[in-house]
N, C-alpha and C. Protein backbone atom coordinates (compact mmCIF):
# COMPACT_ATOMS: atom_id res chain seq x y z
N UNK A 1 161.06 204.35 168.07
CA UNK A 1 160.60 204.08 166.56
C UNK A 1 161.86 203.73 165.71
N UNK A 2 161.75 202.65 165.22
CA UNK A 2 162.96 202.14 164.31
C UNK A 2 163.17 202.78 162.86
N UNK A 3 164.58 202.91 162.36
CA UNK A 3 164.58 203.57 161.16
C UNK A 3 163.64 203.27 160.00
N UNK A 4 163.20 201.81 160.03
CA UNK A 4 162.21 201.37 159.15
C UNK A 4 160.94 201.96 159.29
N UNK A 5 160.59 202.24 160.37
CA UNK A 5 159.10 202.83 160.76
C UNK A 5 159.28 204.23 160.24
N UNK A 6 160.43 205.07 160.64
CA UNK A 6 160.71 206.42 160.19
C UNK A 6 160.60 206.47 158.56
N UNK A 7 161.06 205.63 157.87
CA UNK A 7 161.16 205.55 156.59
C UNK A 7 159.73 205.45 155.88
N UNK A 8 158.95 204.45 156.73
CA UNK A 8 157.53 204.40 156.13
C UNK A 8 156.56 205.51 156.36
N UNK A 9 156.96 206.29 157.63
CA UNK A 9 156.15 207.47 157.86
C UNK A 9 156.46 208.58 156.71
N UNK A 10 157.83 208.78 156.59
CA UNK A 10 158.12 209.77 155.77
C UNK A 10 157.31 209.41 154.33
N UNK A 11 157.46 208.23 153.84
CA UNK A 11 156.76 207.92 152.57
C UNK A 11 155.26 208.15 152.57
N UNK A 12 154.63 207.75 153.60
CA UNK A 12 153.33 208.09 153.77
C UNK A 12 152.97 209.54 153.96
N UNK A 13 153.85 210.37 154.33
CA UNK A 13 153.60 211.77 154.31
C UNK A 13 153.71 212.34 153.01
N UNK A 14 154.73 211.95 152.22
CA UNK A 14 155.22 212.23 151.04
C UNK A 14 153.77 211.84 150.03
N UNK A 15 153.46 210.55 150.24
CA UNK A 15 152.18 210.23 149.34
C UNK A 15 151.03 210.88 149.65
N UNK A 16 150.71 211.09 150.89
CA UNK A 16 149.57 211.99 151.27
C UNK A 16 149.66 213.44 150.51
N UNK A 17 150.70 213.91 150.79
CA UNK A 17 150.88 215.23 150.27
C UNK A 17 150.86 215.29 148.70
N UNK A 18 151.34 214.46 147.83
CA UNK A 18 151.20 214.21 146.34
C UNK A 18 149.77 213.93 146.08
N UNK A 19 149.12 213.38 146.99
CA UNK A 19 147.62 212.96 146.58
C UNK A 19 146.66 213.96 146.73
N UNK A 20 147.09 215.31 147.33
CA UNK A 20 146.14 216.41 147.46
C UNK A 20 145.50 216.89 146.27
N UNK A 21 144.09 217.20 146.26
CA UNK A 21 143.79 217.64 145.26
C UNK A 21 141.94 217.28 145.24
N UNK A 22 141.51 217.77 144.14
CA UNK A 22 139.89 217.45 144.13
C UNK A 22 139.68 216.18 143.58
N UNK A 23 140.18 215.16 144.05
CA UNK A 23 140.00 213.77 143.52
C UNK A 23 138.85 212.97 144.27
N UNK A 24 137.99 212.29 143.30
CA UNK A 24 136.85 211.63 143.96
C UNK A 24 137.08 210.24 144.24
N UNK A 25 138.29 209.45 143.55
CA UNK A 25 138.68 208.14 143.63
C UNK A 25 140.00 207.99 143.43
N UNK A 26 140.65 207.11 144.41
CA UNK A 26 141.84 206.50 144.40
C UNK A 26 141.87 205.07 143.88
N UNK A 27 142.76 204.92 142.76
CA UNK A 27 142.71 203.46 142.20
C UNK A 27 144.12 203.06 142.34
N UNK A 28 144.17 201.90 143.03
CA UNK A 28 145.55 201.28 143.29
C UNK A 28 145.84 200.09 142.56
N UNK A 29 147.05 199.94 141.94
CA UNK A 29 147.40 198.66 141.50
C UNK A 29 147.53 197.71 142.70
N UNK A 30 147.65 196.43 142.50
CA UNK A 30 147.78 195.48 143.50
C UNK A 30 149.21 195.01 143.85
N UNK A 31 149.59 194.21 142.89
CA UNK A 31 151.23 193.59 142.89
C UNK A 31 152.17 194.52 142.84
N UNK A 32 153.00 194.83 143.85
CA UNK A 32 154.02 195.81 143.69
C UNK A 32 153.71 197.07 144.10
N UNK A 33 152.41 197.46 144.25
CA UNK A 33 151.91 198.80 144.84
C UNK A 33 151.20 198.59 146.23
N UNK A 34 150.35 197.82 146.52
CA UNK A 34 149.88 197.55 147.74
C UNK A 34 150.44 196.25 148.32
N UNK A 35 150.91 195.26 147.39
CA UNK A 35 151.53 194.04 148.07
C UNK A 35 152.92 193.82 147.57
N UNK A 36 153.73 193.57 148.51
CA UNK A 36 155.06 193.10 148.27
C UNK A 36 155.38 191.76 147.94
N UNK A 37 154.82 191.47 146.67
CA UNK A 37 155.03 190.12 146.15
C UNK A 37 155.36 189.97 144.83
N UNK A 38 156.21 190.91 144.36
CA UNK A 38 156.70 191.01 142.92
C UNK A 38 157.74 189.89 142.78
N UNK A 39 158.66 189.70 143.73
CA UNK A 39 159.65 188.72 143.78
C UNK A 39 159.15 187.23 143.61
N UNK A 40 157.95 187.06 144.49
CA UNK A 40 157.39 185.70 144.19
C UNK A 40 156.80 185.73 142.76
N UNK A 41 156.10 186.56 142.43
CA UNK A 41 155.60 186.41 140.99
C UNK A 41 156.63 186.27 139.93
N UNK A 42 157.70 186.89 140.02
CA UNK A 42 158.96 186.85 139.06
C UNK A 42 159.45 185.26 139.22
N UNK A 43 159.55 184.67 140.49
CA UNK A 43 159.93 183.21 140.54
C UNK A 43 159.11 182.40 139.82
N UNK A 44 157.86 182.76 139.82
CA UNK A 44 156.86 181.76 139.10
C UNK A 44 156.97 181.75 137.51
N UNK A 45 157.25 183.04 137.16
CA UNK A 45 157.42 182.99 135.73
C UNK A 45 158.93 182.33 135.38
N UNK A 46 159.91 182.55 135.98
CA UNK A 46 161.29 181.93 135.73
C UNK A 46 161.04 180.49 135.89
N UNK A 47 160.50 179.99 136.93
CA UNK A 47 160.29 178.62 137.27
C UNK A 47 159.67 177.87 136.13
N UNK A 48 158.40 178.53 135.59
CA UNK A 48 157.78 177.62 134.68
C UNK A 48 158.35 177.67 133.22
N UNK A 49 158.85 178.84 133.01
CA UNK A 49 159.50 179.14 131.69
C UNK A 49 160.88 178.12 131.40
N UNK A 50 161.56 178.09 132.70
CA UNK A 50 162.75 177.14 132.63
C UNK A 50 162.22 175.59 132.49
N UNK A 51 161.21 175.18 133.16
CA UNK A 51 160.65 173.90 132.94
C UNK A 51 160.52 173.65 131.31
N UNK A 52 159.96 174.64 130.68
CA UNK A 52 159.60 174.38 129.08
C UNK A 52 160.89 174.74 128.43
N UNK A 53 162.06 174.94 128.96
CA UNK A 53 163.34 175.03 128.27
C UNK A 53 163.67 176.56 127.78
N UNK A 54 162.99 177.58 128.63
CA UNK A 54 163.11 178.83 128.37
C UNK A 54 163.89 179.66 129.38
N UNK A 55 165.04 179.93 129.34
CA UNK A 55 165.70 180.74 130.55
C UNK A 55 165.52 182.14 130.19
N UNK A 56 164.54 182.78 131.02
CA UNK A 56 164.15 184.09 131.01
C UNK A 56 165.03 184.94 132.15
N UNK A 57 165.18 186.27 131.98
CA UNK A 57 165.90 187.22 132.70
C UNK A 57 164.65 187.70 133.50
N UNK A 58 164.61 187.58 135.03
CA UNK A 58 163.58 187.97 135.94
C UNK A 58 163.27 189.46 135.81
N UNK A 59 164.31 190.36 135.45
CA UNK A 59 164.18 191.64 135.36
C UNK A 59 162.95 191.97 134.26
N UNK A 60 162.92 191.06 133.37
CA UNK A 60 161.92 191.44 132.41
C UNK A 60 160.51 191.35 132.92
N UNK A 61 160.25 190.69 134.00
CA UNK A 61 159.06 190.50 134.62
C UNK A 61 158.65 191.85 135.41
N UNK A 62 159.85 192.36 136.16
CA UNK A 62 159.60 193.59 136.50
C UNK A 62 159.38 194.61 135.77
N UNK A 63 159.97 194.46 134.67
CA UNK A 63 159.65 195.64 133.46
C UNK A 63 158.28 195.58 133.07
N UNK A 64 157.43 194.42 133.05
CA UNK A 64 156.32 194.30 132.59
C UNK A 64 155.24 194.33 133.69
N UNK A 65 155.56 194.74 134.90
CA UNK A 65 154.83 194.77 135.91
C UNK A 65 153.32 195.46 135.63
N UNK A 66 152.31 194.70 135.99
CA UNK A 66 150.85 195.25 135.66
C UNK A 66 150.27 194.53 134.37
N UNK A 67 151.08 194.14 133.30
CA UNK A 67 150.67 193.53 132.11
C UNK A 67 149.97 192.04 132.68
N UNK A 68 148.77 191.86 131.89
CA UNK A 68 148.10 190.57 132.12
C UNK A 68 149.23 189.41 131.66
N UNK A 69 149.03 188.37 132.29
CA UNK A 69 149.96 187.35 132.20
C UNK A 69 150.10 186.80 131.02
N UNK A 70 148.96 186.72 130.16
CA UNK A 70 149.05 186.17 128.85
C UNK A 70 149.73 187.14 128.03
N UNK A 71 149.53 188.37 128.06
CA UNK A 71 150.43 189.20 127.39
C UNK A 71 152.08 189.26 127.71
N UNK A 72 152.22 189.11 128.88
CA UNK A 72 153.63 188.89 129.40
C UNK A 72 154.33 187.49 128.49
N UNK A 73 153.49 186.56 128.62
CA UNK A 73 153.95 185.30 127.88
C UNK A 73 154.22 185.45 126.55
N UNK A 74 153.27 186.26 125.76
CA UNK A 74 153.49 186.63 124.49
C UNK A 74 154.65 187.40 124.13
N UNK A 75 155.02 188.25 125.08
CA UNK A 75 156.26 188.98 125.08
C UNK A 75 157.46 188.24 125.29
N UNK A 76 157.37 187.34 126.28
CA UNK A 76 158.48 186.25 126.42
C UNK A 76 158.71 185.56 125.26
N UNK A 77 157.60 184.88 124.45
CA UNK A 77 157.75 184.32 123.24
C UNK A 77 158.53 185.15 122.21
N UNK A 78 158.16 186.51 122.14
CA UNK A 78 158.52 187.44 121.13
C UNK A 78 160.24 187.59 121.32
N UNK A 79 160.55 187.79 122.70
CA UNK A 79 162.05 188.08 122.86
C UNK A 79 162.89 187.00 122.80
N UNK A 80 162.18 185.87 123.20
CA UNK A 80 163.22 184.58 123.37
C UNK A 80 163.04 183.51 122.30
N UNK A 81 162.16 184.00 121.38
CA UNK A 81 161.93 183.10 120.17
C UNK A 81 161.39 181.68 120.51
N UNK A 82 160.34 181.91 121.67
CA UNK A 82 159.94 180.73 122.13
C UNK A 82 158.36 180.38 121.77
N UNK A 83 157.90 179.12 122.02
CA UNK A 83 156.55 179.08 121.73
C UNK A 83 155.79 178.50 122.74
N UNK A 84 155.90 179.45 124.08
CA UNK A 84 154.95 178.92 125.34
C UNK A 84 153.47 179.15 125.04
N UNK A 85 152.76 178.27 125.31
CA UNK A 85 151.41 178.66 125.29
C UNK A 85 150.87 179.57 126.45
N UNK A 86 150.39 180.85 125.90
CA UNK A 86 150.16 181.71 126.92
C UNK A 86 148.88 181.50 127.68
N UNK A 87 147.86 180.84 127.24
CA UNK A 87 146.75 180.67 128.16
C UNK A 87 147.24 179.63 129.28
N UNK A 88 147.74 178.45 128.75
CA UNK A 88 148.15 177.48 129.39
C UNK A 88 149.06 177.96 130.52
N UNK A 89 150.26 178.63 130.15
CA UNK A 89 151.08 179.18 131.09
C UNK A 89 150.44 179.99 132.16
N UNK A 90 149.51 181.03 131.69
CA UNK A 90 148.86 181.82 132.52
C UNK A 90 148.15 180.94 133.73
N UNK A 91 147.50 180.08 133.35
CA UNK A 91 146.89 179.14 134.46
C UNK A 91 147.69 178.33 135.38
N UNK A 92 148.81 177.95 134.76
CA UNK A 92 149.69 177.20 135.58
C UNK A 92 150.37 178.17 136.64
N UNK A 93 150.71 179.27 135.94
CA UNK A 93 151.46 180.16 136.90
C UNK A 93 150.56 180.75 137.87
N UNK A 94 149.21 180.99 137.57
CA UNK A 94 148.30 181.38 138.53
C UNK A 94 148.10 180.53 139.73
N UNK A 95 148.19 179.14 139.33
CA UNK A 95 147.94 177.93 140.30
C UNK A 95 149.11 177.80 141.26
N UNK A 96 150.50 177.92 140.55
CA UNK A 96 151.56 177.99 141.37
C UNK A 96 151.75 178.90 142.26
N UNK A 97 151.60 180.17 141.97
CA UNK A 97 151.47 181.32 142.78
C UNK A 97 150.50 181.20 143.99
N UNK A 98 149.30 180.78 143.58
CA UNK A 98 148.29 180.71 144.55
C UNK A 98 148.45 179.74 145.61
N UNK A 99 149.05 178.29 145.21
CA UNK A 99 149.22 177.25 146.03
C UNK A 99 150.72 177.48 146.83
N UNK A 100 151.64 178.25 146.22
CA UNK A 100 153.04 177.99 146.85
C UNK A 100 153.48 179.54 147.40
N UNK A 101 152.92 180.56 147.01
CA UNK A 101 153.58 181.88 147.17
C UNK A 101 152.69 182.78 147.82
N UNK A 102 151.53 182.97 147.58
CA UNK A 102 150.58 184.14 147.99
C UNK A 102 150.51 184.29 149.44
N UNK A 103 150.62 183.18 150.23
CA UNK A 103 150.70 183.43 151.86
C UNK A 103 151.85 184.24 152.25
N UNK A 104 152.85 184.34 151.34
CA UNK A 104 153.93 185.14 151.66
C UNK A 104 153.95 186.55 151.60
N UNK A 105 152.85 186.94 151.07
CA UNK A 105 152.72 188.41 150.69
C UNK A 105 152.83 189.23 151.87
N UNK A 106 153.44 190.53 151.69
CA UNK A 106 153.48 191.49 152.82
C UNK A 106 152.96 192.51 152.15
N UNK A 107 152.39 193.36 153.10
CA UNK A 107 152.05 194.74 152.74
C UNK A 107 153.11 195.90 152.41
N UNK A 108 153.03 196.74 151.57
CA UNK A 108 153.80 197.91 151.24
C UNK A 108 153.05 198.78 152.00
N UNK A 109 153.87 199.04 153.26
CA UNK A 109 153.11 199.53 154.48
C UNK A 109 152.54 201.16 154.11
N UNK A 110 153.46 201.85 153.39
CA UNK A 110 152.84 203.30 153.45
C UNK A 110 151.81 203.45 152.26
N UNK A 111 151.83 202.61 151.32
CA UNK A 111 150.63 202.44 150.41
C UNK A 111 149.35 201.99 151.11
N UNK A 112 149.56 200.94 151.86
CA UNK A 112 148.40 200.34 152.52
C UNK A 112 147.91 201.32 153.49
N UNK A 113 148.64 201.78 154.20
CA UNK A 113 148.22 202.93 155.18
C UNK A 113 147.35 203.96 154.50
N UNK A 114 147.96 204.59 153.38
CA UNK A 114 147.39 205.46 152.58
C UNK A 114 145.94 205.30 152.21
N UNK A 115 145.80 203.94 151.81
CA UNK A 115 144.56 203.58 151.44
C UNK A 115 143.68 203.39 152.74
N UNK A 116 144.01 202.88 153.88
CA UNK A 116 143.23 203.01 154.86
C UNK A 116 142.88 204.29 155.15
N UNK A 117 143.73 205.16 155.31
CA UNK A 117 143.50 206.52 155.81
C UNK A 117 142.51 207.43 154.92
N UNK A 118 142.41 206.75 153.67
CA UNK A 118 141.55 207.66 152.76
C UNK A 118 140.16 207.03 152.48
N UNK A 119 139.90 205.61 152.84
CA UNK A 119 138.81 204.95 152.55
C UNK A 119 137.61 205.74 153.41
N UNK A 120 136.67 205.95 152.86
CA UNK A 120 135.57 206.75 153.39
C UNK A 120 135.36 208.09 152.95
N UNK A 121 136.62 208.70 152.59
CA UNK A 121 136.78 210.00 152.08
C UNK A 121 136.57 210.18 150.68
N UNK A 122 137.24 209.17 149.87
CA UNK A 122 137.25 208.97 148.40
C UNK A 122 136.74 207.72 148.10
N UNK A 123 136.36 207.38 147.14
CA UNK A 123 136.05 206.01 146.49
C UNK A 123 137.38 205.23 146.31
N UNK A 124 137.48 203.99 146.69
CA UNK A 124 138.68 203.13 146.45
C UNK A 124 138.40 202.06 145.52
N UNK A 125 139.32 201.97 144.65
CA UNK A 125 139.30 200.80 143.57
C UNK A 125 140.79 200.22 143.53
N UNK A 126 140.59 198.98 143.28
CA UNK A 126 141.97 198.19 142.80
C UNK A 126 141.78 197.71 141.41
N UNK A 127 142.96 198.18 140.57
CA UNK A 127 143.08 197.78 139.17
C UNK A 127 144.35 196.86 139.01
N UNK A 128 144.10 195.67 138.60
CA UNK A 128 145.16 194.80 138.81
C UNK A 128 145.17 193.99 137.45
N UNK A 129 146.54 193.64 137.01
CA UNK A 129 146.68 192.72 135.88
C UNK A 129 146.59 191.31 136.13
N UNK A 130 146.47 191.09 137.60
CA UNK A 130 146.14 189.59 138.11
C UNK A 130 144.78 189.20 137.94
N UNK A 131 144.80 187.80 138.21
CA UNK A 131 143.47 187.21 138.14
C UNK A 131 142.71 187.44 139.51
N UNK A 132 141.36 187.64 139.37
CA UNK A 132 140.54 188.13 140.30
C UNK A 132 140.51 187.24 141.84
N UNK A 133 140.71 185.95 141.76
CA UNK A 133 140.77 185.09 142.79
C UNK A 133 141.98 185.32 143.64
N UNK A 134 143.25 185.60 142.96
CA UNK A 134 144.52 186.09 143.62
C UNK A 134 144.51 187.35 144.08
N UNK A 135 143.89 188.37 143.50
CA UNK A 135 143.76 189.73 143.90
C UNK A 135 142.93 189.72 145.26
N UNK A 136 141.76 188.94 145.09
CA UNK A 136 140.69 189.06 146.36
C UNK A 136 141.73 188.37 147.54
N UNK A 137 142.42 187.38 147.36
CA UNK A 137 143.04 186.61 148.42
C UNK A 137 144.09 187.64 148.91
N UNK A 138 144.93 188.29 148.12
CA UNK A 138 145.90 189.38 148.43
C UNK A 138 145.39 190.37 149.33
N UNK A 139 144.24 190.80 148.85
CA UNK A 139 143.71 191.97 149.74
C UNK A 139 143.19 191.63 151.02
N UNK A 140 142.48 190.11 151.07
CA UNK A 140 142.29 189.58 152.43
C UNK A 140 143.49 189.62 153.28
N UNK A 141 144.57 188.94 152.68
CA UNK A 141 145.88 189.08 153.50
C UNK A 141 146.32 190.23 154.10
N UNK A 142 146.05 191.02 153.18
CA UNK A 142 146.51 192.47 153.78
C UNK A 142 145.63 193.22 154.62
N UNK A 143 144.48 192.77 154.65
CA UNK A 143 143.25 193.20 155.57
C UNK A 143 142.53 194.44 155.15
N UNK A 144 142.49 194.51 153.92
CA UNK A 144 141.96 195.67 153.33
C UNK A 144 140.88 195.44 152.18
N UNK A 145 140.47 194.04 152.20
CA UNK A 145 139.55 193.79 151.13
C UNK A 145 138.17 194.70 151.37
N UNK A 146 137.85 194.70 152.57
CA UNK A 146 136.39 195.42 152.87
C UNK A 146 136.50 196.90 152.70
N UNK A 147 137.56 197.37 152.43
CA UNK A 147 137.75 198.89 152.04
C UNK A 147 137.57 199.09 150.56
N UNK A 148 137.95 197.96 149.87
CA UNK A 148 137.83 198.26 148.21
C UNK A 148 136.41 197.97 147.74
N UNK A 149 136.09 199.25 147.26
CA UNK A 149 134.59 199.26 146.60
C UNK A 149 134.51 198.50 145.01
N UNK A 150 135.62 198.71 144.41
CA UNK A 150 135.44 198.16 143.08
C UNK A 150 136.93 197.46 142.64
N UNK A 151 136.83 196.25 141.96
CA UNK A 151 138.01 195.73 141.58
C UNK A 151 137.87 195.46 139.90
N UNK A 152 138.77 195.78 139.27
CA UNK A 152 138.90 195.11 137.77
C UNK A 152 140.41 194.36 137.76
N UNK A 153 140.14 193.16 137.24
CA UNK A 153 141.16 192.30 137.11
C UNK A 153 141.37 191.98 135.62
N UNK A 154 142.26 191.03 135.43
CA UNK A 154 142.74 190.58 134.35
C UNK A 154 141.52 189.92 133.64
N UNK A 155 141.55 190.18 132.39
CA UNK A 155 140.50 189.53 131.34
C UNK A 155 139.11 189.94 131.62
N UNK A 156 138.87 191.11 132.44
CA UNK A 156 137.60 191.71 132.69
C UNK A 156 137.18 192.96 131.92
N UNK A 157 138.33 193.37 130.89
CA UNK A 157 137.97 194.31 130.09
C UNK A 157 138.80 193.90 128.71
N UNK A 158 138.26 194.61 127.45
CA UNK A 158 138.75 194.08 126.17
C UNK A 158 140.23 194.04 126.02
N UNK A 159 141.12 195.14 126.79
CA UNK A 159 142.39 195.26 126.82
C UNK A 159 142.80 195.51 128.13
N UNK A 160 144.18 194.84 128.52
CA UNK A 160 144.61 195.03 129.90
C UNK A 160 145.56 196.54 129.60
N UNK A 161 146.36 196.62 130.88
CA UNK A 161 147.38 197.68 130.75
C UNK A 161 148.40 197.26 129.73
N UNK A 162 149.07 198.17 128.94
CA UNK A 162 149.01 199.52 129.20
C UNK A 162 147.92 200.24 128.35
N UNK A 163 146.84 199.53 128.05
CA UNK A 163 145.50 200.13 127.37
C UNK A 163 144.71 200.78 128.49
N UNK A 164 143.97 201.89 128.12
CA UNK A 164 143.20 202.71 129.36
C UNK A 164 141.97 201.76 129.85
N UNK A 165 141.73 200.77 129.19
CA UNK A 165 140.36 200.09 129.57
C UNK A 165 140.21 199.59 131.04
N UNK A 166 141.23 199.08 131.58
CA UNK A 166 141.10 198.84 133.12
C UNK A 166 140.75 200.16 133.89
N UNK A 167 141.32 200.99 133.91
CA UNK A 167 141.08 202.12 134.72
C UNK A 167 139.86 202.96 134.32
N UNK A 168 139.48 202.81 133.02
CA UNK A 168 138.18 203.56 132.59
C UNK A 168 137.00 202.70 133.24
N UNK A 169 137.27 201.44 133.09
CA UNK A 169 136.15 200.56 133.69
C UNK A 169 135.98 200.72 135.14
N UNK A 170 137.07 200.97 135.95
CA UNK A 170 137.00 201.14 137.44
C UNK A 170 136.23 202.42 137.59
N UNK A 171 136.74 203.47 136.78
CA UNK A 171 135.94 204.72 136.98
C UNK A 171 134.58 204.59 136.78
N UNK A 172 134.13 204.08 135.71
CA UNK A 172 132.61 203.81 135.26
C UNK A 172 132.14 203.13 136.46
N UNK A 173 132.59 202.02 136.97
CA UNK A 173 132.07 201.37 138.11
C UNK A 173 131.65 202.15 139.28
N UNK A 174 132.59 203.18 139.63
CA UNK A 174 132.69 203.78 140.78
C UNK A 174 131.68 205.01 140.52
N UNK A 175 131.34 205.40 139.15
CA UNK A 175 130.43 206.57 138.90
C UNK A 175 131.47 207.72 139.21
N UNK A 176 132.70 207.82 138.69
CA UNK A 176 133.47 208.93 138.86
C UNK A 176 134.04 209.26 137.45
N UNK A 177 134.37 210.49 137.05
CA UNK A 177 135.12 210.98 135.91
C UNK A 177 136.39 210.56 136.11
N UNK A 178 137.06 210.15 134.86
CA UNK A 178 138.48 209.90 134.82
C UNK A 178 139.44 210.96 135.57
N UNK A 179 139.00 212.16 135.06
CA UNK A 179 139.80 213.11 135.44
C UNK A 179 139.75 213.45 136.90
N UNK A 180 138.81 212.80 137.67
CA UNK A 180 138.68 212.94 139.28
C UNK A 180 139.23 211.70 139.71
N UNK A 181 140.02 210.85 138.94
CA UNK A 181 140.74 209.55 139.44
C UNK A 181 142.15 209.94 139.87
N UNK A 182 142.64 209.41 140.76
CA UNK A 182 144.12 209.39 140.88
C UNK A 182 144.83 207.87 140.97
N UNK A 183 145.64 207.62 140.10
CA UNK A 183 146.13 206.12 140.09
C UNK A 183 147.50 206.17 140.99
N UNK A 184 147.61 204.90 141.56
CA UNK A 184 148.89 204.48 142.33
C UNK A 184 149.45 203.25 141.69
N UNK A 185 150.61 203.56 141.17
CA UNK A 185 151.28 202.38 140.29
C UNK A 185 152.67 202.26 140.72
N UNK A 186 153.32 201.05 140.22
CA UNK A 186 154.82 200.89 140.36
C UNK A 186 155.40 200.52 139.03
N UNK A 187 154.71 200.73 137.78
CA UNK A 187 155.24 200.17 136.53
C UNK A 187 154.77 200.90 135.49
N UNK A 188 155.68 200.99 134.42
CA UNK A 188 155.36 201.82 133.08
C UNK A 188 154.09 201.14 132.60
N UNK A 189 153.82 200.00 132.42
CA UNK A 189 152.51 199.69 131.68
C UNK A 189 151.37 200.26 132.50
N UNK A 190 151.27 200.47 133.88
CA UNK A 190 150.27 200.99 134.63
C UNK A 190 150.10 202.43 134.51
N UNK A 191 151.38 203.10 134.52
CA UNK A 191 151.26 204.66 134.23
C UNK A 191 150.96 204.86 132.70
N UNK A 192 151.16 204.15 131.75
CA UNK A 192 150.56 204.46 130.31
C UNK A 192 149.31 204.22 130.26
N UNK A 193 148.83 203.21 130.96
CA UNK A 193 147.35 202.97 131.02
C UNK A 193 146.56 204.11 131.71
N UNK A 194 147.00 204.56 132.90
CA UNK A 194 146.56 205.91 133.54
C UNK A 194 146.43 206.92 132.66
N UNK A 195 147.68 207.17 132.02
CA UNK A 195 147.72 208.54 131.22
C UNK A 195 146.80 208.31 129.86
N UNK A 196 146.53 207.17 129.35
CA UNK A 196 145.61 206.87 128.31
C UNK A 196 144.28 207.09 128.70
N UNK A 197 144.15 206.89 130.01
CA UNK A 197 142.59 206.92 130.49
C UNK A 197 142.25 208.56 130.99
N UNK A 198 143.37 209.22 130.80
CA UNK A 198 143.13 210.68 131.36
C UNK A 198 143.20 210.86 132.70
N UNK A 199 144.07 210.11 133.27
CA UNK A 199 144.03 210.23 134.83
C UNK A 199 145.48 210.50 135.28
N UNK A 200 145.50 211.18 136.59
CA UNK A 200 146.84 211.55 137.15
C UNK A 200 147.28 210.53 137.80
N UNK A 201 148.64 210.24 138.22
CA UNK A 201 149.05 209.02 138.65
C UNK A 201 150.50 209.50 139.67
N UNK A 202 150.70 208.33 140.40
CA UNK A 202 151.70 208.46 141.28
C UNK A 202 152.54 207.28 141.32
N UNK A 203 153.86 207.44 140.89
CA UNK A 203 154.77 206.01 140.97
C UNK A 203 155.23 205.86 142.37
N UNK A 204 154.64 205.04 143.23
CA UNK A 204 154.95 204.67 144.50
C UNK A 204 156.45 204.35 144.71
N UNK A 205 156.94 203.57 143.58
CA UNK A 205 158.30 203.10 143.72
C UNK A 205 159.37 204.27 143.71
N UNK A 206 158.88 205.34 143.37
CA UNK A 206 159.91 206.68 142.89
C UNK A 206 159.97 207.62 144.29
N UNK A 207 159.06 207.24 145.04
CA UNK A 207 158.91 208.00 146.33
C UNK A 207 160.29 208.16 147.06
């Protein structure tokens, strides 16, 4: 067994131990939590913003991981005194990612394995700030779409992360009380959303 395999196994054990409890549903973020594609997402933002004359720091995109794209663009405008059209930018970014980057998606092995191990034992949902078409394709690439019972994606609730709406919507669709849901996230907005929804959470990037 390679060192990489050992690290994956250790992280899976840690994740499994942390997720013990009387939970009825596990709710996973997608990008950066199940899917190793944040670098690709960051590149699409930087590429499109630069085309419109706005040189953004890619670290900002990591900081806002989980936010709906429209809200990220509004934040770019605020920080960089820019006037990017959030709706048009979101549509172009979605298409660029879908056309040129999505097939490069890799699994975050220990989180994907955790989901697979618990499917059928608890209800499984995916709550993402991404567009449904991209999330669907990502989950298919990862080979876990058939294990996910409910998806809540961008623009499907009145407010996205860091507001509680997306996680509350997933809990309602699954028929599970928020207090019986455990959230798996990799960013502050997702954690804030989970806390606001009254749910416990695990930061998978802190394992």
